[in-house]
């Protein structure tokens, strides 16, 4: 899967407010590339990335699935991130793309009810004090509060049951400190009975994992 081109001048202007593409960004792209044939075979209509940041991941998916998927939606709580994502997509020829400023998918819950076929989330997973989350625009992109799970748990409890289609694939980035086994159990309660660690990679003091969740067993 081709890594998108992002104009350096656009990112340099926002580097202190928008999460820079990092190792967790690229392990997520690599995991999605492994599953590209499976994703295509399910003929996704709507693809969503929560916390789209620079737009690199969703644009890479858009380039790979532009002939298969009807619409790509990115959301971020950070207005600068949403703007940068839109620039990234358009600059790489993806025009069926919308980046929206919203918390998780709160602006779309009703309209996307059971409609999302591919859901991607690289959440703020770093273990921090809970009050770190709201300190700044950039801290909201990485600060995860207790066990790094404050935003992840909200995602599981409020987003997953509402907007996922019957064949939806979910790709979630976590670290070991997030207690992945508990996350897998919580996703089972939402009907996503099958999980698979697509990739695992050590980066500095973190052990990154990308977990795929689905309702049906594919491999």
Protein backbone atom coordinates (compact mmCIF):
# COMPACT_ATOMS: atom_id res chain seq x y z
CA UNK A 1 0.00 0.00 0.00
CA UNK A 2 1.53 3.27 -1.10
CA UNK A 3 2.39 5.82 1.60
CA UNK A 4 0.75 9.11 0.61
CA UNK A 5 2.65 12.26 -0.22
CA UNK A 6 2.15 15.06 2.31
CA UNK A 7 3.44 18.52 1.45
CA UNK A 8 6.15 19.30 3.99
CA UNK A 9 5.28 22.99 4.20
CA UNK A 10 1.71 22.16 5.23
CA UNK A 11 2.85 19.87 8.01
CA UNK A 12 5.67 22.10 9.22
CA UNK A 13 3.15 24.86 9.84
CA UNK A 14 1.16 22.56 12.14
CA UNK A 15 3.81 20.26 13.64
CA UNK A 16 3.19 21.51 17.18
CA UNK A 17 -0.58 21.00 17.02
CA UNK A 18 -1.05 17.90 14.82
CA UNK A 19 0.27 14.42 15.61
CA UNK A 20 3.22 13.68 13.35
CA UNK A 21 3.18 10.37 11.43
CA UNK A 22 5.15 7.99 13.63
CA UNK A 23 5.82 4.30 14.15
CA UNK A 24 2.22 3.66 15.22
CA UNK A 25 1.03 5.31 12.00
CA UNK A 26 3.14 3.04 9.84
CA UNK A 27 2.39 -0.21 11.67
CA UNK A 28 -1.30 0.57 11.12
CA UNK A 29 -0.74 1.09 7.38
CA UNK A 30 1.27 -2.15 7.24
CA UNK A 31 -1.50 -4.09 9.02
CA UNK A 32 -4.13 -2.76 6.64
CA UNK A 33 -1.95 -3.70 3.68
CA UNK A 34 -1.75 -7.31 4.93
CA UNK A 35 -5.56 -7.45 4.91
CA UNK A 36 -6.10 -5.53 1.70
CA UNK A 37 -7.48 -8.50 -0.26
CA UNK A 38 -9.88 -9.36 2.57
CA UNK A 39 -11.05 -5.74 2.83
CA UNK A 40 -11.63 -5.57 -0.93
CA UNK A 41 -13.52 -8.86 -0.92
CA UNK A 42 -16.04 -7.44 1.56
CA UNK A 43 -16.76 -4.50 -0.78
CA UNK A 44 -16.81 -1.75 1.86
CA UNK A 45 -19.09 1.19 1.10
CA UNK A 46 -18.14 3.54 3.95
CA UNK A 47 -14.68 3.67 5.51
CA UNK A 48 -14.07 5.74 8.65
CA UNK A 49 -10.93 6.69 10.51
CA UNK A 50 -11.37 8.23 13.95
CA UNK A 51 -8.52 10.52 14.97
CA UNK A 52 -7.31 10.94 11.41
CA UNK A 53 -4.49 13.34 12.39
CA UNK A 54 -2.34 14.11 9.35
CA UNK A 55 -4.57 11.99 7.11
CA UNK A 56 -1.76 9.66 6.08
CA UNK A 57 -3.52 6.41 7.03
CA UNK A 58 -6.95 7.14 5.57
CA UNK A 59 -5.42 8.57 2.40
CA UNK A 60 -3.32 5.40 1.97
CA UNK A 61 -6.49 3.35 2.36
CA UNK A 62 -8.30 5.66 -0.05
CA UNK A 63 -5.63 5.19 -2.70
CA UNK A 64 -5.78 1.42 -2.30
CA UNK A 65 -9.59 1.20 -2.25
CA UNK A 66 -10.64 4.10 -4.45
CA UNK A 67 -12.27 1.72 -6.94
CA UNK A 68 -14.01 -0.30 -4.22
CA UNK A 69 -15.20 2.07 -1.50
CA UNK A 70 -17.80 4.80 -2.05
CA UNK A 71 -16.83 7.23 0.71
CA UNK A 72 -14.00 7.93 3.15
CA UNK A 73 -14.66 9.86 6.35
CA UNK A 74 -12.02 11.06 8.80
CA UNK A 75 -12.79 12.66 12.14
CA UNK A 76 -10.63 14.49 14.64
CA UNK A 77 -11.22 16.73 17.64
CA UNK A 78 -8.47 18.99 16.30
CA UNK A 79 -9.55 21.42 13.57
CA UNK A 80 -5.97 21.73 12.25
CA UNK A 81 -5.75 17.94 11.93
CA UNK A 82 -9.00 17.78 9.98
CA UNK A 83 -7.76 20.49 7.62
CA UNK A 84 -4.43 18.73 7.13
CA UNK A 85 -6.20 15.41 6.45
CA UNK A 86 -8.35 17.05 3.80
CA UNK A 87 -5.26 18.55 2.13
CA UNK A 88 -3.50 15.17 2.26
CA UNK A 89 -6.41 13.36 0.62
CA UNK A 90 -6.97 15.94 -2.11
CA UNK A 91 -3.24 16.22 -2.77
CA UNK A 92 -3.16 12.48 -3.42
CA UNK A 93 -6.18 12.45 -5.71
CA UNK A 94 -8.78 11.18 -3.23
CA UNK A 95 -11.92 13.26 -3.75
CA UNK A 96 -14.59 11.07 -2.09
CA UNK A 97 -13.16 12.12 1.26
CA UNK A 98 -14.45 14.30 4.07
CA UNK A 99 -12.58 15.31 7.23
CA UNK A 100 -14.83 16.55 10.02
CA UNK A 101 -14.12 18.09 13.41
CA UNK A 102 -15.96 16.02 16.01
CA UNK A 103 -15.35 13.94 19.13
CA UNK A 104 -15.07 10.32 17.99
CA UNK A 105 -18.20 10.08 15.77
CA UNK A 106 -20.63 12.07 17.91
CA UNK A 107 -21.70 14.26 14.98
CA UNK A 108 -22.68 11.22 12.91
CA UNK A 109 -24.04 8.55 15.27
CA UNK A 110 -27.59 8.53 13.90
CA UNK A 111 -26.66 9.00 10.24
CA UNK A 112 -24.07 6.23 10.29
CA UNK A 113 -26.17 3.74 12.26
CA UNK A 114 -24.85 0.27 11.32
CA UNK A 115 -23.41 1.67 8.06
CA UNK A 116 -19.62 1.64 8.56
CA UNK A 117 -17.84 -1.26 6.87
CA UNK A 118 -14.24 -0.39 7.72
CA UNK A 119 -13.37 1.38 10.99
CA UNK A 120 -9.81 2.45 11.79
CA UNK A 121 -8.59 3.97 15.05
CA UNK A 122 -5.11 4.84 16.27
CA UNK A 123 -6.28 6.18 19.63
CA UNK A 124 -4.53 8.22 22.29
CA UNK A 125 -3.15 5.20 24.15
CA UNK A 126 -0.29 6.54 26.32
CA UNK A 127 -0.80 6.02 30.05
CA UNK A 128 -1.09 9.47 31.66
CA UNK A 129 -2.96 11.25 34.44
CA UNK A 130 -6.53 11.81 33.27
CA UNK A 131 -6.16 15.59 33.32
CA UNK A 132 -3.35 15.36 30.75
CA UNK A 133 -5.89 14.55 28.03
CA UNK A 134 -7.37 18.03 27.87
CA UNK A 135 -4.17 20.06 28.32
CA UNK A 136 -3.68 20.93 24.65
CA UNK A 137 -4.67 20.01 21.12
CA UNK A 138 -1.55 17.91 20.68
CA UNK A 139 -1.92 16.11 24.03
CA UNK A 140 -5.38 14.94 23.01
CA UNK A 141 -3.74 12.98 20.20
CA UNK A 142 -1.63 10.81 22.51
CA UNK A 143 -2.68 11.14 26.18
CA UNK A 144 -4.90 8.19 27.11
CA UNK A 145 -5.44 8.68 30.84
CA UNK A 146 -5.61 5.74 33.24
CA UNK A 147 -4.23 2.59 31.59
CA UNK A 148 -4.28 4.61 28.34
CA UNK A 149 -7.90 3.52 28.07
CA UNK A 150 -10.11 6.58 28.65
CA UNK A 151 -10.76 7.24 24.96
CA UNK A 152 -10.48 3.59 23.91
CA UNK A 153 -13.22 2.59 26.36
CA UNK A 154 -15.49 5.40 25.16
CA UNK A 155 -14.93 4.21 21.60
CA UNK A 156 -15.88 0.64 22.48
CA UNK A 157 -18.92 1.59 24.54
CA UNK A 158 -20.42 4.37 22.41
CA UNK A 159 -19.16 4.03 18.83
CA UNK A 160 -18.71 0.34 18.07
CA UNK A 161 -22.27 -0.82 18.90
CA UNK A 162 -23.89 2.08 17.03
CA UNK A 163 -22.21 2.51 13.67
CA UNK A 164 -20.68 -0.80 12.60
CA UNK A 165 -22.23 -2.88 9.83
CA UNK A 166 -22.65 -6.64 10.05
CA UNK A 167 -19.45 -7.22 8.05
CA UNK A 168 -17.45 -4.35 9.56
CA UNK A 169 -13.73 -4.81 10.10
CA UNK A 170 -12.17 -2.76 12.90
CA UNK A 171 -8.44 -2.05 13.17
CA UNK A 172 -7.27 -0.70 16.53
CA UNK A 173 -3.77 0.28 17.67
CA UNK A 174 -2.92 -0.54 21.29
CA UNK A 175 0.08 -1.02 23.56
CA UNK A 176 0.56 -3.69 26.23
CA UNK A 177 -0.20 -1.20 29.02
CA UNK A 178 -3.74 -0.82 27.63
CA UNK A 179 -4.45 -4.43 28.71
CA UNK A 180 -5.37 -5.78 25.26
CA UNK A 181 -7.02 -8.89 26.73
CA UNK A 182 -9.60 -6.69 28.47
CA UNK A 183 -10.17 -4.77 25.23
CA UNK A 184 -10.75 -8.03 23.35
CA UNK A 185 -13.27 -9.13 26.00
CA UNK A 186 -15.10 -5.78 25.77
CA UNK A 187 -15.28 -6.08 21.99
CA UNK A 188 -16.78 -9.56 22.30
CA UNK A 189 -19.60 -8.05 24.34
CA UNK A 190 -20.24 -5.76 21.33
CA UNK A 191 -20.55 -8.80 19.06
CA UNK A 192 -17.01 -8.74 17.65
CA UNK A 193 -16.24 -12.32 18.63
CA UNK A 194 -13.13 -12.73 16.51
CA UNK A 195 -9.89 -10.85 17.04
CA UNK A 196 -6.43 -11.18 15.57
CA UNK A 197 -3.17 -9.39 16.32
CA UNK A 198 -2.19 -8.39 12.81
CA UNK A 199 1.21 -6.95 13.68
CA UNK A 200 3.31 -6.38 16.76
CA UNK A 201 6.35 -4.14 16.86
CA UNK A 202 8.65 -2.82 19.57
CA UNK A 203 9.30 0.90 19.36
CA UNK A 204 11.46 2.51 22.05
CA UNK A 205 9.68 1.66 25.32
CA UNK A 206 6.37 0.67 23.69
CA UNK A 207 5.16 -2.63 22.28
CA UNK A 208 2.70 -1.63 19.57
CA UNK A 209 -0.03 -3.98 18.41
CA UNK A 210 -2.66 -3.66 15.70
CA UNK A 211 -5.71 -5.77 16.46
CA UNK A 212 -8.37 -6.64 13.89
CA UNK A 213 -11.88 -7.24 15.17
CA UNK A 214 -14.73 -8.81 13.21
CA UNK A 215 -18.02 -10.61 13.76
CA UNK A 216 -17.17 -13.46 11.42
CA UNK A 217 -14.08 -15.63 11.26
CA UNK A 218 -11.98 -15.01 8.14
CA UNK A 219 -8.69 -16.77 8.97
